[in-house]
Structures are given as C-alpha cells and as structure tokens.
Amino acid sequence: MYLYYCIHTKEVHFTWKTKMIEKCIEQTGMFLKSYEGNYEGIDFFCLLSLMKVENWDSWNDKDYDCEQTNYISIITSDSRGNIPEQSIKIMKKLSKLLSEDILLES
C-alpha cells in the first residue's frame, strides 16, 4: 500500500526555486537522483518528484522545470503501509523550507 502526499504552492502560478529544493534533498544524504527532478530513498521507500504544473490535479513526473517548482509529489510506505521515519523527516524539512503544509492525496 502506497501513501501519496504532496506539497504545493498556495496558487498554481506561484513557484519556488528548484535548485533550492534539490539542494535541501541532496544534503540529507538519504536520496539518490533517479533522473532530473526525481529522487528515490536510499534504504527506504520514498519517491520525490519536483514539478512545475499547470493544474494540481493533472500532472506527471515529466513536468520538471530546472528553474521553478510549484508541486512536489511524495510517494512512500513501508511493507506494513506505514510512513518510514526518513520520509517523515524529509517531508517536515521540505514543509519548513517552503513554508507550506504537507497534504495527503486522496
């Protein structure tokens, strides 16, 4: 069972600097970059995708923009469907950095 979360800007036309977010993720030492804007947890299941989307409800992980981000998709779980401690740590870190709440996707 996967758990789907996101962090996004208050308005779709607002953005954050992509490099700032990437630096935050990379400095944790907990993720490997799988391809541009996409990260995988090293020893836990967590996928992060940085995107610049036009709509909160219609996007894919190819919506990466090296300059601007307005949406971060977070997919995580462990074998029992719980949130790994490392996933909680990065979600809190990103939430604080971006001054936005973590939202559970339904």
Protein backbone atom coordinates (compact mmCIF):
# COMPACT_ATOMS: atom_id res chain seq x y z
CA MET A 1 0.00 0.00 0.00
CA TYR A 2 1.44 3.33 -1.05
CA LEU A 3 0.76 6.63 0.65
CA TYR A 4 0.54 9.69 -1.58
CA TYR A 5 1.41 13.17 -0.30
CA CYS A 6 2.23 16.48 -1.88
CA ILE A 7 3.47 19.93 -1.06
CA HIS A 8 2.44 22.73 -3.38
CA THR A 9 2.37 26.50 -3.55
CA LYS A 10 -0.72 28.38 -2.42
CA GLU A 11 -1.54 29.34 -6.02
CA VAL A 12 -0.57 27.37 -9.12
CA HIS A 13 1.22 30.39 -10.66
CA PHE A 14 3.47 30.84 -7.58
CA THR A 15 6.79 28.97 -7.64
CA TRP A 16 9.87 28.12 -5.62
CA LYS A 17 13.44 27.87 -6.91
CA THR A 18 14.07 24.30 -8.00
CA LYS A 19 17.78 24.41 -7.11
CA MET A 20 16.96 25.36 -3.50
CA ILE A 21 14.71 22.30 -3.13
CA GLU A 22 17.19 19.97 -4.83
CA LYS A 23 19.97 21.20 -2.54
CA CYS A 24 17.81 20.50 0.53
CA ILE A 25 17.04 16.95 -0.64
CA GLU A 26 20.62 16.17 -1.66
CA GLN A 27 22.10 17.48 1.60
CA THR A 28 20.15 14.89 3.60
CA GLY A 29 22.22 12.08 2.09
CA MET A 30 19.08 9.91 2.13
CA PHE A 31 18.20 10.09 -1.59
CA LEU A 32 19.62 9.22 -4.99
CA LYS A 33 18.61 11.23 -8.04
CA SER A 34 16.98 8.80 -10.47
CA TYR A 35 16.58 11.45 -13.20
CA GLU A 36 16.01 15.20 -13.37
CA GLY A 37 13.72 16.28 -10.54
CA ASN A 38 13.14 12.74 -9.28
CA TYR A 39 14.65 11.16 -6.18
CA GLU A 40 14.47 7.72 -4.56
CA GLY A 41 15.09 6.90 -0.91
CA ILE A 42 18.38 5.00 -0.48
CA ASP A 43 17.30 2.41 2.10
CA PHE A 44 13.58 3.14 2.42
CA PHE A 45 10.70 3.56 0.00
CA CYS A 46 10.11 7.21 -0.82
CA LEU A 47 9.84 8.80 -4.26
CA LEU A 48 10.05 12.58 -4.63
CA SER A 49 9.17 14.36 -7.87
CA LEU A 50 9.70 18.09 -8.31
CA MET A 51 7.43 19.65 -10.91
CA LYS A 52 6.08 22.84 -12.34
CA VAL A 53 2.46 22.05 -13.13
CA GLU A 54 -0.42 23.98 -14.62
CA ASN A 55 -3.05 22.16 -12.56
CA TRP A 56 -2.90 20.43 -9.16
CA ASP A 57 -4.99 17.53 -10.50
CA SER A 58 -3.32 16.89 -13.85
CA TRP A 59 0.44 16.31 -13.91
CA ASN A 60 3.14 13.71 -14.41
CA ASP A 61 6.75 13.36 -13.31
CA LYS A 62 7.94 14.71 -16.68
CA ASP A 63 6.73 18.23 -15.68
CA TYR A 64 10.19 19.06 -14.30
CA ASP A 65 11.49 22.62 -14.67
CA CYS A 66 15.12 23.27 -13.72
CA GLU A 67 14.29 26.83 -12.63
CA GLN A 68 10.87 26.72 -10.98
CA THR A 69 8.82 24.24 -8.96
CA ASN A 70 5.30 24.57 -7.63
CA TYR A 71 4.47 20.94 -6.79
CA ILE A 72 6.30 18.12 -5.02
CA SER A 73 4.83 14.65 -5.23
CA ILE A 74 5.77 12.28 -2.39
CA ILE A 75 5.02 8.54 -2.58
CA THR A 76 6.02 6.48 0.41
CA SER A 77 5.28 3.46 2.63
CA ASP A 78 6.95 0.51 4.27
CA SER A 79 5.97 -3.15 3.99
CA ARG A 80 3.17 -2.61 6.54
CA GLY A 81 1.80 0.53 4.89
CA ASN A 82 3.36 2.86 7.48
CA ILE A 83 5.35 6.02 6.80
CA PRO A 84 9.11 5.42 7.18
CA GLU A 85 10.87 7.71 9.66
CA GLN A 86 13.13 9.04 6.89
CA SER A 87 10.07 10.03 4.81
CA ILE A 88 8.63 11.94 7.75
CA LYS A 89 11.96 13.70 8.20
CA ILE A 90 12.19 14.91 4.57
CA MET A 91 8.52 15.94 4.47
CA LYS A 92 8.96 18.06 7.60
CA LYS A 93 12.20 19.52 6.26
CA LEU A 94 10.60 20.50 2.93
CA SER A 95 7.47 21.80 4.63
CA LYS A 96 9.56 24.07 6.83
CA LEU A 97 11.84 25.21 3.97
CA LEU A 98 8.87 26.08 1.74
CA SER A 99 6.50 27.30 4.47
CA GLU A 100 3.75 25.02 3.17
CA ASP A 101 1.73 22.15 4.62
CA ILE A 102 2.09 18.52 3.65
CA LEU A 103 -1.13 17.32 2.05
CA LEU A 104 -2.40 13.75 1.90
CA GLU A 105 -3.59 12.96 -1.61
CA SER A 106 -6.85 11.05 -1.83
